[in-house]
Amino acid sequence: MNEHKEITTPLDEKTVMSLHAGDEVLITGPVYTARDMAHKRLCELIDAGRPLPVELAGAIIYFVGPTPARPGEVIGSAGPTTASRMDAFSPKLLATGLKGMIGKGYRDATVRDALMKYKAVHFSATGGAGALLSRHIVSSEFVAYEDLGTEAIRRLVFDKFPAIVAYDAYGNSVYRV
């Protein structure tokens, strides 16, 4: 059985550089959610030189659109969405100090290059396991773009959220690219 590396957010450069493609991690601490439309709005703010609604330095963004929470629960099913949908936006967000992303599937060459340039990492979480993954989310609050519904930016707090380092800051990947 593989040993998991336990990491805490926000991420610093030392932590990022200690991670290698294939490492299994347990993530604890605050993480932001964002999908396509939220990414678009964040990049528009960056282009306009305006402040972002969240501090991305050291942060992780989880590509997720969680389902509504059942009564008494923090969040509904919260499985990863396809990461490549954020490829056009990710390099710009990494340039602001974002240190990690969580999704499923491949990232394009521009994102892989940006991960190396900005010393960041991309994690993969198990698709189809949203109900199980939600057990590792201990709090959830809207922080921006509530009008986007499930695609709004939320601040989640993870407790030992399981993921795999899919792309590291050295250019390595668990995928054949």
N, C-alpha and C. Protein backbone atom coordinates (compact mmCIF):
# COMPACT_ATOMS: atom_id res chain seq x y z
N MET A 1 0.83 -1.18 0.00
CA MET A 1 0.00 0.00 0.00
C MET A 1 0.88 1.24 0.00
N ASN A 2 0.53 2.21 -0.85
CA ASN A 2 1.31 3.45 -0.93
C ASN A 2 1.03 4.34 0.26
N GLU A 3 2.06 5.07 0.66
CA GLU A 3 1.92 6.03 1.75
C GLU A 3 1.48 7.37 1.17
N HIS A 4 0.51 7.99 1.82
CA HIS A 4 0.02 9.30 1.38
C HIS A 4 0.86 10.39 2.01
N LYS A 5 1.11 11.45 1.24
CA LYS A 5 1.75 12.64 1.78
C LYS A 5 0.63 13.56 2.25
N GLU A 6 0.70 14.01 3.47
CA GLU A 6 -0.30 14.94 3.98
C GLU A 6 0.20 16.35 3.75
N ILE A 7 -0.61 17.16 3.06
CA ILE A 7 -0.24 18.54 2.78
C ILE A 7 -1.34 19.47 3.28
N THR A 8 -0.95 20.68 3.61
CA THR A 8 -1.88 21.67 4.15
C THR A 8 -1.85 22.92 3.28
N THR A 9 -3.01 23.49 3.05
CA THR A 9 -3.11 24.73 2.30
C THR A 9 -3.07 25.91 3.26
N PRO A 10 -2.64 27.08 2.77
CA PRO A 10 -2.13 27.34 1.43
C PRO A 10 -0.78 26.64 1.21
N LEU A 11 -0.51 26.37 -0.06
CA LEU A 11 0.74 25.69 -0.41
C LEU A 11 1.87 26.70 -0.53
N ASP A 12 3.05 26.29 -0.09
CA ASP A 12 4.24 27.12 -0.32
C ASP A 12 5.12 26.40 -1.34
N GLU A 13 6.14 27.12 -1.80
CA GLU A 13 6.99 26.57 -2.84
C GLU A 13 7.70 25.29 -2.39
N LYS A 14 8.12 25.24 -1.14
CA LYS A 14 8.81 24.05 -0.63
C LYS A 14 7.91 22.82 -0.73
N THR A 15 6.65 22.97 -0.34
CA THR A 15 5.70 21.85 -0.43
C THR A 15 5.50 21.44 -1.87
N VAL A 16 5.26 22.42 -2.75
CA VAL A 16 5.04 22.11 -4.17
C VAL A 16 6.23 21.36 -4.75
N MET A 17 7.44 21.80 -4.43
CA MET A 17 8.63 21.18 -5.00
C MET A 17 8.92 19.81 -4.39
N SER A 18 8.26 19.47 -3.28
CA SER A 18 8.42 18.14 -2.69
C SER A 18 7.49 17.10 -3.32
N LEU A 19 6.58 17.58 -4.17
CA LEU A 19 5.59 16.69 -4.77
C LEU A 19 6.04 16.23 -6.16
N HIS A 20 5.76 14.97 -6.44
CA HIS A 20 6.16 14.38 -7.72
C HIS A 20 5.00 13.63 -8.33
N ALA A 21 4.95 13.62 -9.66
CA ALA A 21 3.87 12.92 -10.37
C ALA A 21 3.73 11.51 -9.81
N GLY A 22 2.50 11.14 -9.50
CA GLY A 22 2.20 9.83 -8.95
C GLY A 22 2.07 9.81 -7.44
N ASP A 23 2.54 10.87 -6.76
CA ASP A 23 2.38 10.92 -5.30
C ASP A 23 0.90 10.94 -4.94
N GLU A 24 0.56 10.16 -3.94
CA GLU A 24 -0.79 10.20 -3.39
C GLU A 24 -0.78 11.16 -2.22
N VAL A 25 -1.73 12.10 -2.21
CA VAL A 25 -1.75 13.13 -1.17
C VAL A 25 -3.09 13.16 -0.46
N LEU A 26 -3.06 13.70 0.75
CA LEU A 26 -4.26 14.01 1.52
C LEU A 26 -4.18 15.51 1.80
N ILE A 27 -5.13 16.26 1.27
CA ILE A 27 -5.09 17.72 1.36
C ILE A 27 -6.00 18.19 2.49
N THR A 28 -5.47 19.04 3.35
CA THR A 28 -6.24 19.62 4.45
C THR A 28 -6.10 21.14 4.39
N GLY A 29 -7.22 21.83 4.61
CA GLY A 29 -7.21 23.29 4.64
C GLY A 29 -8.15 23.88 3.62
N PRO A 30 -8.18 25.22 3.53
CA PRO A 30 -9.10 25.88 2.61
C PRO A 30 -8.70 25.72 1.15
N VAL A 31 -9.70 25.54 0.31
CA VAL A 31 -9.55 25.39 -1.14
C VAL A 31 -10.72 26.14 -1.78
N TYR A 32 -10.49 26.75 -2.94
CA TYR A 32 -11.57 27.44 -3.65
C TYR A 32 -12.11 26.56 -4.77
N THR A 33 -13.39 26.70 -5.04
CA THR A 33 -13.99 26.02 -6.19
C THR A 33 -14.09 27.03 -7.33
N ALA A 34 -13.97 26.57 -8.54
CA ALA A 34 -14.21 27.41 -9.72
C ALA A 34 -14.25 26.52 -10.94
N ARG A 35 -15.20 26.84 -11.80
CA ARG A 35 -15.30 26.17 -13.10
C ARG A 35 -15.22 27.21 -14.20
N ASP A 36 -15.64 26.85 -15.39
CA ASP A 36 -15.46 27.65 -16.60
C ASP A 36 -15.84 29.13 -16.44
N MET A 37 -17.08 29.41 -16.06
CA MET A 37 -17.54 30.80 -16.01
C MET A 37 -16.83 31.60 -14.93
N ALA A 38 -16.55 31.00 -13.80
CA ALA A 38 -15.81 31.71 -12.74
C ALA A 38 -14.38 31.99 -13.21
N HIS A 39 -13.77 31.03 -13.88
CA HIS A 39 -12.42 31.24 -14.43
C HIS A 39 -12.43 32.41 -15.41
N LYS A 40 -13.43 32.44 -16.26
CA LYS A 40 -13.53 33.53 -17.25
C LYS A 40 -13.62 34.88 -16.54
N ARG A 41 -14.45 34.97 -15.53
CA ARG A 41 -14.60 36.24 -14.80
C ARG A 41 -13.31 36.63 -14.08
N LEU A 42 -12.63 35.67 -13.47
CA LEU A 42 -11.37 35.97 -12.79
C LEU A 42 -10.35 36.52 -13.79
N CYS A 43 -10.25 35.89 -14.95
CA CYS A 43 -9.28 36.33 -15.96
C CYS A 43 -9.65 37.71 -16.52
N GLU A 44 -10.94 37.99 -16.64
CA GLU A 44 -11.35 39.33 -17.08
C GLU A 44 -10.93 40.38 -16.06
N LEU A 45 -11.03 40.08 -14.77
CA LEU A 45 -10.57 41.01 -13.74
C LEU A 45 -9.06 41.22 -13.82
N ILE A 46 -8.32 40.14 -14.02
CA ILE A 46 -6.86 40.24 -14.15
C ILE A 46 -6.52 41.13 -15.35
N ASP A 47 -7.17 40.89 -16.48
CA ASP A 47 -6.91 41.68 -17.69
C ASP A 47 -7.22 43.15 -17.48
N ALA A 48 -8.23 43.44 -16.66
CA ALA A 48 -8.63 44.83 -16.39
C ALA A 48 -7.81 45.46 -15.26
N GLY A 49 -6.91 44.68 -14.66
CA GLY A 49 -6.09 45.20 -13.57
C GLY A 49 -6.88 45.44 -12.29
N ARG A 50 -7.98 44.71 -12.14
CA ARG A 50 -8.84 44.89 -10.97
C ARG A 50 -8.57 43.78 -9.95
N PRO A 51 -8.87 44.02 -8.67
CA PRO A 51 -8.63 42.99 -7.65
C PRO A 51 -9.55 41.78 -7.82
N LEU A 52 -9.03 40.64 -7.42
CA LEU A 52 -9.82 39.41 -7.47
C LEU A 52 -10.64 39.27 -6.20
N PRO A 53 -11.76 38.55 -6.25
CA PRO A 53 -12.59 38.38 -5.06
C PRO A 53 -12.01 37.40 -4.05
N VAL A 54 -10.96 36.68 -4.43
CA VAL A 54 -10.28 35.73 -3.55
C VAL A 54 -8.77 35.88 -3.73
N GLU A 55 -8.03 35.54 -2.69
CA GLU A 55 -6.57 35.59 -2.75
C GLU A 55 -6.07 34.26 -3.30
N LEU A 56 -5.43 34.30 -4.47
CA LEU A 56 -4.98 33.06 -5.10
C LEU A 56 -3.56 32.67 -4.74
N ALA A 57 -2.78 33.55 -4.15
CA ALA A 57 -1.40 33.21 -3.80
C ALA A 57 -1.39 32.03 -2.83
N GLY A 58 -0.77 30.94 -3.26
CA GLY A 58 -0.67 29.73 -2.44
C GLY A 58 -1.91 28.85 -2.46
N ALA A 59 -2.94 29.30 -3.15
CA ALA A 59 -4.23 28.59 -3.12
C ALA A 59 -4.27 27.40 -4.07
N ILE A 60 -5.28 26.57 -3.83
CA ILE A 60 -5.67 25.49 -4.74
C ILE A 60 -7.08 25.79 -5.20
N ILE A 61 -7.33 25.60 -6.51
CA ILE A 61 -8.68 25.68 -7.05
C ILE A 61 -9.13 24.27 -7.41
N TYR A 62 -10.30 23.92 -6.94
CA TYR A 62 -10.91 22.61 -7.24
C TYR A 62 -11.95 22.84 -8.32
N PHE A 63 -11.79 22.17 -9.46
CA PHE A 63 -12.73 22.27 -10.57
C PHE A 63 -13.94 21.40 -10.27
N VAL A 64 -14.94 21.99 -9.63
CA VAL A 64 -16.09 21.23 -9.17
C VAL A 64 -17.33 22.11 -9.19
N GLY A 65 -18.45 21.51 -9.47
CA GLY A 65 -19.76 22.16 -9.34
C GLY A 65 -20.59 21.27 -8.45
N PRO A 66 -20.47 21.45 -7.13
CA PRO A 66 -21.13 20.52 -6.21
C PRO A 66 -22.66 20.57 -6.30
N THR A 67 -23.27 19.45 -6.00
CA THR A 67 -24.72 19.40 -5.94
C THR A 67 -25.18 20.01 -4.61
N PRO A 68 -26.45 20.39 -4.53
CA PRO A 68 -26.94 20.95 -3.26
C PRO A 68 -26.79 19.97 -2.10
N ALA A 69 -26.54 20.53 -0.94
CA ALA A 69 -26.39 19.70 0.26
C ALA A 69 -27.73 19.19 0.74
N ARG A 70 -27.75 17.97 1.20
CA ARG A 70 -28.95 17.44 1.86
C ARG A 70 -29.04 18.06 3.25
N PRO A 71 -30.21 18.07 3.84
CA PRO A 71 -30.34 18.64 5.19
C PRO A 71 -29.34 18.01 6.16
N GLY A 72 -28.65 18.87 6.89
CA GLY A 72 -27.68 18.40 7.87
C GLY A 72 -26.30 18.12 7.31
N GLU A 73 -26.12 18.26 6.00
CA GLU A 73 -24.82 18.01 5.39
C GLU A 73 -24.19 19.32 4.94
N VAL A 74 -22.87 19.33 4.84
CA VAL A 74 -22.11 20.52 4.47
C VAL A 74 -22.25 20.82 2.98
N ILE A 75 -22.24 19.77 2.16
CA ILE A 75 -22.22 19.91 0.71
C ILE A 75 -22.78 18.64 0.10
N GLY A 76 -23.24 18.73 -1.13
CA GLY A 76 -23.70 17.54 -1.84
C GLY A 76 -22.51 16.85 -2.49
N SER A 77 -22.80 16.03 -3.48
CA SER A 77 -21.76 15.34 -4.22
C SER A 77 -20.79 16.37 -4.80
N ALA A 78 -19.50 16.11 -4.69
CA ALA A 78 -18.51 17.10 -5.09
C ALA A 78 -17.34 16.44 -5.82
N GLY A 79 -17.64 15.89 -6.99
CA GLY A 79 -16.61 15.24 -7.79
C GLY A 79 -15.98 16.20 -8.79
N PRO A 80 -14.78 15.90 -9.24
CA PRO A 80 -14.05 16.79 -10.15
C PRO A 80 -14.65 16.84 -11.54
N THR A 81 -14.49 17.99 -12.18
CA THR A 81 -14.89 18.13 -13.57
C THR A 81 -13.64 18.05 -14.45
N THR A 82 -13.83 17.96 -15.74
CA THR A 82 -12.74 17.81 -16.69
C THR A 82 -11.83 19.04 -16.68
N ALA A 83 -10.58 18.83 -16.35
CA ALA A 83 -9.62 19.92 -16.18
C ALA A 83 -9.33 20.67 -17.47
N SER A 84 -9.33 19.99 -18.60
CA SER A 84 -8.95 20.65 -19.85
C SER A 84 -9.88 21.82 -20.19
N ARG A 85 -11.08 21.82 -19.63
CA ARG A 85 -12.00 22.94 -19.88
C ARG A 85 -11.45 24.24 -19.32
N MET A 86 -10.51 24.18 -18.38
CA MET A 86 -9.93 25.38 -17.77
C MET A 86 -8.56 25.73 -18.35
N ASP A 87 -8.10 24.96 -19.36
CA ASP A 87 -6.75 25.17 -19.89
C ASP A 87 -6.50 26.59 -20.40
N ALA A 88 -7.48 27.20 -21.02
CA ALA A 88 -7.29 28.56 -21.57
C ALA A 88 -7.08 29.59 -20.47
N PHE A 89 -7.55 29.31 -19.26
CA PHE A 89 -7.48 30.28 -18.17
C PHE A 89 -6.35 30.00 -17.16
N SER A 90 -5.96 28.75 -17.03
CA SER A 90 -5.04 28.35 -15.95
C SER A 90 -3.70 29.07 -15.94
N PRO A 91 -3.01 29.25 -17.09
CA PRO A 91 -1.72 29.95 -17.02
C PRO A 91 -1.83 31.36 -16.42
N LYS A 92 -2.87 32.07 -16.75
CA LYS A 92 -3.05 33.43 -16.21
C LYS A 92 -3.26 33.39 -14.70
N LEU A 93 -4.01 32.42 -14.22
CA LEU A 93 -4.25 32.29 -12.78
C LEU A 93 -2.98 31.82 -12.06
N LEU A 94 -2.23 30.94 -12.67
CA LEU A 94 -0.96 30.50 -12.08
C LEU A 94 0.01 31.68 -11.93
N ALA A 95 -0.02 32.60 -12.87
CA ALA A 95 0.85 33.78 -12.81
C ALA A 95 0.53 34.67 -11.61
N THR A 96 -0.67 34.56 -11.05
CA THR A 96 -1.04 35.36 -9.88
C THR A 96 -0.58 34.72 -8.57
N GLY A 97 -0.03 33.51 -8.65
CA GLY A 97 0.45 32.84 -7.44
C GLY A 97 -0.32 31.59 -7.07
N LEU A 98 -1.34 31.22 -7.86
CA LEU A 98 -2.06 29.96 -7.64
C LEU A 98 -1.04 28.83 -7.63
N LYS A 99 -1.11 27.94 -6.65
CA LYS A 99 -0.13 26.87 -6.52
C LYS A 99 -0.65 25.48 -6.84
N GLY A 100 -1.97 25.33 -6.95
CA GLY A 100 -2.50 24.01 -7.23
C GLY A 100 -3.88 24.05 -7.84
N MET A 101 -4.20 23.00 -8.56
CA MET A 101 -5.51 22.81 -9.16
C MET A 101 -5.88 21.34 -9.00
N ILE A 102 -7.18 21.09 -8.91
CA ILE A 102 -7.67 19.71 -8.80
C ILE A 102 -8.75 19.53 -9.85
N GLY A 103 -8.62 18.49 -10.65
CA GLY A 103 -9.62 18.16 -11.66
C GLY A 103 -9.46 16.71 -12.05
N LYS A 104 -9.93 16.39 -13.25
CA LYS A 104 -9.69 15.04 -13.78
C LYS A 104 -9.27 15.18 -15.24
N GLY A 105 -8.42 14.29 -15.66
CA GLY A 105 -8.00 14.27 -17.06
C GLY A 105 -6.79 15.12 -17.36
N TYR A 106 -6.50 15.18 -18.65
CA TYR A 106 -5.28 15.79 -19.17
C TYR A 106 -5.29 17.31 -19.11
N ARG A 107 -4.07 17.89 -19.09
CA ARG A 107 -3.85 19.34 -19.22
C ARG A 107 -3.00 19.55 -20.47
N ASP A 108 -3.21 20.69 -21.16
CA ASP A 108 -2.45 20.91 -22.40
C ASP A 108 -1.04 21.41 -22.11
N ALA A 109 -0.24 21.54 -23.17
CA ALA A 109 1.17 21.91 -23.03
C ALA A 109 1.34 23.29 -22.40
N THR A 110 0.46 24.23 -22.69
CA THR A 110 0.61 25.57 -22.10
C THR A 110 0.43 25.52 -20.58
N VAL A 111 -0.47 24.69 -20.10
CA VAL A 111 -0.67 24.55 -18.66
C VAL A 111 0.53 23.84 -18.05
N ARG A 112 0.99 22.78 -18.68
CA ARG A 112 2.15 22.04 -18.15
C ARG A 112 3.38 22.95 -18.07
N ASP A 113 3.57 23.78 -19.09
CA ASP A 113 4.70 24.73 -19.07
C ASP A 113 4.52 25.75 -17.94
N ALA A 114 3.29 26.23 -17.74
CA ALA A 114 3.02 27.21 -16.69
C ALA A 114 3.23 26.60 -15.30
N LEU A 115 2.91 25.33 -15.13
CA LEU A 115 3.15 24.66 -13.85
C LEU A 115 4.64 24.68 -13.52
N MET A 116 5.47 24.45 -14.52
CA MET A 116 6.92 24.50 -14.28
C MET A 116 7.38 25.94 -14.04
N LYS A 117 6.94 26.85 -14.86
CA LYS A 117 7.36 28.25 -14.75
C LYS A 117 7.00 28.86 -13.39
N TYR A 118 5.78 28.59 -12.92
CA TYR A 118 5.29 29.22 -11.69
C TYR A 118 5.39 28.30 -10.47
N LYS A 119 6.03 27.15 -10.65
CA LYS A 119 6.23 26.19 -9.55
C LYS A 119 4.90 25.87 -8.87
N ALA A 120 4.08 25.16 -9.63
CA ALA A 120 2.75 24.77 -9.17
C ALA A 120 2.51 23.31 -9.56
N VAL A 121 1.36 22.78 -9.13
CA VAL A 121 1.07 21.36 -9.33
C VAL A 121 -0.40 21.19 -9.68
N HIS A 122 -0.68 20.14 -10.45
CA HIS A 122 -2.07 19.80 -10.76
C HIS A 122 -2.35 18.42 -10.17
N PHE A 123 -3.42 18.35 -9.40
CA PHE A 123 -3.86 17.09 -8.79
C PHE A 123 -5.03 16.52 -9.56
N SER A 124 -5.16 15.21 -9.54
CA SER A 124 -6.35 14.55 -10.06
C SER A 124 -7.08 13.90 -8.90
N ALA A 125 -8.40 14.04 -8.93
CA ALA A 125 -9.26 13.36 -7.97
C ALA A 125 -10.10 12.36 -8.76
N THR A 126 -10.60 11.37 -8.10
CA THR A 126 -11.32 10.29 -8.76
C THR A 126 -12.68 10.75 -9.26
N GLY A 127 -12.85 10.72 -10.58
CA GLY A 127 -14.14 11.04 -11.17
C GLY A 127 -15.16 9.96 -10.81
N GLY A 128 -16.41 10.36 -10.66
CA GLY A 128 -17.47 9.42 -10.32
C GLY A 128 -17.55 9.09 -8.85
N ALA A 129 -16.70 9.73 -8.04
CA ALA A 129 -16.69 9.44 -6.60
C ALA A 129 -17.07 10.68 -5.79
N GLY A 130 -17.88 11.56 -6.37
CA GLY A 130 -18.23 12.81 -5.73
C GLY A 130 -18.87 12.67 -4.35
N ALA A 131 -19.71 11.66 -4.18
CA ALA A 131 -20.35 11.46 -2.87
C ALA A 131 -19.32 11.07 -1.82
N LEU A 132 -18.36 10.24 -2.21
CA LEU A 132 -17.30 9.85 -1.28
C LEU A 132 -16.35 11.01 -1.00
N LEU A 133 -15.99 11.77 -2.03
CA LEU A 133 -15.08 12.90 -1.84
C LEU A 133 -15.70 13.96 -0.94
N SER A 134 -17.01 14.14 -1.03
CA SER A 134 -17.67 15.17 -0.22
C SER A 134 -17.52 14.91 1.28
N ARG A 135 -17.24 13.69 1.66
CA ARG A 135 -17.02 13.36 3.08
C ARG A 135 -15.76 14.02 3.65
N HIS A 136 -14.89 14.48 2.75
CA HIS A 136 -13.65 15.13 3.16
C HIS A 136 -13.76 16.65 3.13
N ILE A 137 -14.96 17.15 2.96
CA ILE A 137 -15.22 18.60 2.95
C ILE A 137 -15.98 18.93 4.22
N VAL A 138 -15.35 19.71 5.10
CA VAL A 138 -15.94 19.97 6.41
C VAL A 138 -16.67 21.30 6.49
N SER A 139 -16.46 22.19 5.51
CA SER A 139 -17.25 23.41 5.46
C SER A 139 -17.28 23.94 4.03
N SER A 140 -18.32 24.73 3.75
CA SER A 140 -18.51 25.30 2.42
C SER A 140 -19.24 26.62 2.56
N GLU A 141 -18.69 27.67 1.93
CA GLU A 141 -19.37 28.96 1.93
C GLU A 141 -19.15 29.64 0.59
N PHE A 142 -20.18 30.33 0.10
CA PHE A 142 -20.05 31.10 -1.13
C PHE A 142 -19.18 32.31 -0.86
N VAL A 143 -18.25 32.61 -1.80
CA VAL A 143 -17.42 33.80 -1.65
C VAL A 143 -17.50 34.73 -2.85
N ALA A 144 -17.97 34.25 -4.00
CA ALA A 144 -18.08 35.11 -5.18
C ALA A 144 -18.96 34.45 -6.24
N TYR A 145 -19.62 35.30 -7.00
CA TYR A 145 -20.38 34.88 -8.18
C TYR A 145 -21.51 33.90 -7.87
N GLU A 146 -22.26 34.17 -6.81
CA GLU A 146 -23.39 33.29 -6.45
C GLU A 146 -24.39 33.13 -7.60
N ASP A 147 -24.44 34.14 -8.48
CA ASP A 147 -25.35 34.07 -9.63
C ASP A 147 -25.02 32.90 -10.55
N LEU A 148 -23.83 32.33 -10.42
CA LEU A 148 -23.45 31.19 -11.26
C LEU A 148 -23.94 29.85 -10.70
N GLY A 149 -24.63 29.89 -9.58
CA GLY A 149 -25.17 28.65 -9.00
C GLY A 149 -24.08 27.67 -8.63
N THR A 150 -24.15 26.46 -9.18
CA THR A 150 -23.15 25.45 -8.83
C THR A 150 -21.75 25.84 -9.28
N GLU A 151 -21.64 26.80 -10.21
CA GLU A 151 -20.33 27.23 -10.68
C GLU A 151 -19.79 28.43 -9.91
N ALA A 152 -20.49 28.86 -8.87
CA ALA A 152 -20.01 29.97 -8.04
C ALA A 152 -18.69 29.59 -7.38
N ILE A 153 -17.95 30.60 -6.96
CA ILE A 153 -16.73 30.33 -6.20
C ILE A 153 -17.12 30.13 -4.74
N ARG A 154 -16.70 29.00 -4.22
CA ARG A 154 -16.91 28.68 -2.80
C ARG A 154 -15.56 28.51 -2.14
N ARG A 155 -15.56 28.73 -0.86
CA ARG A 155 -14.39 28.40 -0.04
C ARG A 155 -14.76 27.13 0.71
N LEU A 156 -14.09 26.05 0.35
CA LEU A 156 -14.28 24.77 1.02
C LEU A 156 -13.13 24.58 2.00
N VAL A 157 -13.38 23.83 3.04
CA VAL A 157 -12.30 23.38 3.90
C VAL A 157 -12.23 21.87 3.80
N PHE A 158 -11.08 21.38 3.36
CA PHE A 158 -10.83 19.96 3.21
C PHE A 158 -10.25 19.37 4.49
N ASP A 159 -10.58 18.11 4.73
CA ASP A 159 -9.95 17.32 5.78
C ASP A 159 -9.48 16.01 5.16
N LYS A 160 -8.20 15.96 4.86
CA LYS A 160 -7.58 14.78 4.27
C LYS A 160 -8.27 14.34 2.98
N PHE A 161 -8.45 15.29 2.08
CA PHE A 161 -9.06 15.04 0.77
C PHE A 161 -8.06 14.28 -0.10
N PRO A 162 -8.43 13.11 -0.61
CA PRO A 162 -7.49 12.28 -1.37
C PRO A 162 -7.35 12.72 -2.83
N ALA A 163 -6.12 12.81 -3.28
CA ALA A 163 -5.84 13.16 -4.68
C ALA A 163 -4.48 12.57 -5.07
N ILE A 164 -4.18 12.64 -6.34
CA ILE A 164 -2.92 12.17 -6.89
C ILE A 164 -2.26 13.32 -7.62
N VAL A 165 -0.96 13.47 -7.48
CA VAL A 165 -0.24 14.49 -8.25
C VAL A 165 -0.20 13.99 -9.70
N ALA A 166 -0.95 14.66 -10.55
CA ALA A 166 -1.02 14.26 -11.96
C ALA A 166 0.08 14.93 -12.78
N TYR A 167 0.35 16.21 -12.48
CA TYR A 167 1.42 16.97 -13.14
C TYR A 167 2.19 17.71 -12.06
N ASP A 168 3.50 17.53 -12.05
CA ASP A 168 4.28 18.21 -11.02
C ASP A 168 5.00 19.43 -11.60
N ALA A 169 5.73 20.13 -10.76
CA ALA A 169 6.42 21.36 -11.16
C ALA A 169 7.71 21.08 -11.94
N TYR A 170 8.02 19.81 -12.14
CA TYR A 170 9.23 19.41 -12.87
C TYR A 170 8.92 18.99 -14.30
N GLY A 171 7.64 19.03 -14.68
CA GLY A 171 7.26 18.62 -16.04
C GLY A 171 6.89 17.17 -16.16
N ASN A 172 6.80 16.47 -15.05
CA ASN A 172 6.43 15.05 -15.07
C ASN A 172 4.93 14.89 -14.95
N SER A 173 4.44 13.76 -15.44
CA SER A 173 3.01 13.48 -15.45
C SER A 173 2.73 12.01 -15.24
N VAL A 174 1.56 11.73 -14.70
CA VAL A 174 1.13 10.34 -14.59
C VAL A 174 0.52 9.86 -15.91
N TYR A 175 0.26 10.81 -16.81
CA TYR A 175 -0.31 10.49 -18.12
C TYR A 175 0.78 10.39 -19.15
N ARG A 176 0.52 9.63 -20.19
CA ARG A 176 1.43 9.57 -21.33
C ARG A 176 1.06 10.75 -22.24
N VAL A 177 1.96 11.69 -22.34
CA VAL A 177 1.68 12.90 -23.15
C VAL A 177 2.70 13.08 -24.24
